[in-house]
Amino acid sequence: MKTIAVSLCLIFICGTHSTGQSNNAAGQVIEGGKVVVELLKALTGKKDHEKNEGCKGSYADLCLLNESSASITVVLQKSKTEEKKEMVILPAMKECCLQIPVGVWTYDLRFTSTPQSIRKGDILIEGCQNLIMNIK
């Protein structure tokens, strides 16, 4: 992109110097520079738009906030696959799973010190969501 812009500038400058028929060569260089700047703005605007297409719906973010006085272990397992995530969340802290695949996930909450579950269940994670689960 930069090489294209630089080469356009060089071609324009060399073209104005080689003709030598213009009384106002500096004015033409300034006008040519304005054209190149506008061209760069247009090209970079399209490139930014292509990069920032937004969420495509295949991932979401899930954050867990531990509001209890003990540390909690959270085990997440996707229902149709064997994908598994396990987190230990300290008291008054938050942990996140970023870009977790969409679908139904089974969760198991338990205090870190005991193997007994506090809560079990399923959660549906849809694309482009930013979910926050508060644990009290």
Protein backbone atom coordinates (compact mmCIF):
# COMPACT_ATOMS: atom_id res chain seq x y z
CA MET A 1 0.00 0.00 0.00
CA LYS A 2 2.74 2.43 0.98
CA THR A 3 4.86 1.40 -1.98
CA ILE A 4 1.96 2.13 -4.32
CA ALA A 5 1.50 5.58 -2.82
CA VAL A 6 5.22 6.35 -2.98
CA SER A 7 5.47 5.15 -6.55
CA LEU A 8 2.46 7.28 -7.54
CA CYS A 9 4.12 10.32 -5.97
CA LEU A 10 7.40 9.63 -7.76
CA ILE A 11 5.69 9.13 -11.12
CA PHE A 12 3.77 12.35 -10.70
CA ILE A 13 6.82 14.35 -9.62
CA CYS A 14 9.01 12.94 -12.41
CA GLY A 15 6.25 13.61 -14.91
CA THR A 16 5.99 17.25 -13.93
CA HIS A 17 9.78 17.73 -14.03
CA SER A 18 10.25 15.97 -17.37
CA THR A 19 7.62 17.97 -19.24
CA GLY A 20 9.05 21.31 -18.17
CA GLN A 21 6.25 23.09 -20.06
CA SER A 22 4.39 24.21 -16.98
CA ASN A 23 4.85 27.62 -15.46
CA ASN A 24 3.33 26.45 -12.22
CA ALA A 25 5.12 23.15 -11.48
CA ALA A 26 4.91 23.67 -7.73
CA GLY A 27 1.14 24.08 -7.95
CA GLN A 28 0.85 20.86 -9.91
CA VAL A 29 2.95 19.01 -7.34
CA ILE A 30 0.71 20.29 -4.55
CA GLU A 31 -2.44 19.28 -6.44
CA GLY A 32 -0.92 15.87 -7.18
CA GLY A 33 -0.06 15.44 -3.50
CA LYS A 34 -3.68 16.19 -2.59
CA VAL A 35 -4.85 13.54 -5.06
CA VAL A 36 -2.46 10.98 -3.59
CA VAL A 37 -3.60 11.80 -0.03
CA GLU A 38 -7.26 11.40 -1.03
CA LEU A 39 -6.42 8.12 -2.75
CA LEU A 40 -4.68 6.86 0.38
CA LYS A 41 -7.66 7.86 2.53
CA ALA A 42 -10.01 5.97 0.24
CA LEU A 43 -7.83 2.85 0.15
CA THR A 44 -7.21 2.74 3.89
CA GLY A 45 -10.90 3.33 4.60
CA LYS A 46 -11.82 0.24 2.62
CA LYS A 47 -9.11 -1.78 4.32
CA ASP A 48 -10.31 -0.79 7.80
CA HIS A 49 -13.85 -1.74 6.84
CA GLU A 50 -12.71 -5.18 5.66
CA LYS A 51 -10.78 -5.82 8.88
CA ASN A 52 -13.61 -4.75 11.18
CA GLU A 53 -16.46 -6.89 9.90
CA GLY A 54 -17.75 -7.53 13.40
CA CYS A 55 -18.68 -10.77 15.04
CA LYS A 56 -19.37 -13.66 12.69
CA GLY A 57 -21.48 -15.63 15.16
CA SER A 58 -19.22 -18.62 15.77
CA TYR A 59 -17.72 -17.44 19.07
CA ALA A 60 -18.78 -15.65 22.24
CA ASP A 61 -17.20 -14.48 25.49
CA LEU A 62 -18.14 -15.93 28.87
CA CYS A 63 -17.01 -14.33 32.13
CA LEU A 64 -17.56 -15.74 35.61
CA LEU A 65 -17.60 -13.42 38.62
CA ASN A 66 -17.04 -15.02 42.03
CA GLU A 67 -18.90 -12.95 44.64
CA SER A 68 -18.58 -15.62 47.35
CA SER A 69 -16.00 -15.75 50.14
CA ALA A 70 -14.35 -18.98 48.93
CA SER A 71 -12.53 -19.95 45.78
CA ILE A 72 -14.64 -21.81 43.24
CA THR A 73 -13.74 -24.32 40.54
CA VAL A 74 -15.78 -24.15 37.35
CA VAL A 75 -15.75 -26.96 34.81
CA LEU A 76 -17.27 -26.27 31.39
CA GLN A 77 -17.82 -29.04 28.87
CA LYS A 78 -19.37 -28.72 25.44
CA SER A 79 -22.26 -31.13 24.98
CA LYS A 80 -21.56 -32.50 21.49
CA THR A 81 -17.77 -32.57 21.69
CA GLU A 82 -15.31 -33.47 24.39
CA GLU A 83 -13.99 -29.90 24.64
CA LYS A 84 -13.49 -29.07 28.29
CA LYS A 85 -12.42 -25.93 30.18
CA GLU A 86 -11.64 -25.74 33.88
CA MET A 87 -11.06 -22.55 35.88
CA VAL A 88 -10.34 -21.73 39.50
CA ILE A 89 -11.79 -18.38 40.48
CA LEU A 90 -10.56 -16.69 43.64
CA PRO A 91 -12.97 -14.78 45.91
CA ALA A 92 -14.10 -11.40 44.53
CA MET A 93 -12.35 -12.09 41.21
CA LYS A 94 -13.49 -12.56 37.62
CA GLU A 95 -12.20 -15.03 35.02
CA CYS A 96 -13.17 -15.11 31.36
CA CYS A 97 -13.21 -17.60 28.51
CA LEU A 98 -12.72 -15.51 25.40
CA GLN A 99 -13.93 -16.73 22.02
CA ILE A 100 -15.63 -19.82 23.34
CA PRO A 101 -17.38 -21.78 20.57
CA VAL A 102 -21.16 -21.45 20.37
CA GLY A 103 -23.44 -24.26 21.45
CA VAL A 104 -24.71 -25.87 24.62
CA TRP A 105 -22.16 -26.10 27.43
CA THR A 106 -22.60 -28.03 30.68
CA TYR A 107 -21.20 -26.29 33.74
CA ASP A 108 -20.29 -27.68 37.16
CA LEU A 109 -19.61 -25.28 40.04
CA ARG A 110 -17.94 -26.45 43.22
CA PHE A 111 -15.86 -25.05 46.04
CA THR A 112 -12.19 -25.74 45.37
CA SER A 113 -11.74 -27.40 48.76
CA THR A 114 -14.54 -29.98 48.24
CA PRO A 115 -15.41 -32.29 45.33
CA GLN A 116 -19.16 -31.81 45.92
CA SER A 117 -20.99 -29.72 43.32
CA ILE A 118 -22.74 -26.51 44.29
CA ARG A 119 -24.61 -26.13 41.04
CA LYS A 120 -24.81 -27.98 37.73
CA GLY A 121 -26.58 -27.01 34.59
CA ASP A 122 -26.50 -26.19 30.92
CA ILE A 123 -25.95 -22.85 29.31
CA LEU A 124 -26.65 -21.95 25.69
CA ILE A 125 -23.92 -19.78 24.24
CA GLU A 126 -24.97 -17.96 21.09
CA GLY A 127 -22.69 -16.10 18.73
CA CYS A 128 -21.47 -12.59 19.49
CA GLN A 129 -22.61 -12.66 23.12
CA ASN A 130 -20.71 -11.28 26.08
CA LEU A 131 -22.11 -13.31 28.98
CA ILE A 132 -21.34 -12.66 32.65
CA MET A 133 -22.27 -15.30 35.22
CA ASN A 134 -22.37 -14.09 38.85
CA ILE A 135 -21.64 -16.73 41.47
CA LYS A 136 -22.82 -15.80 44.97
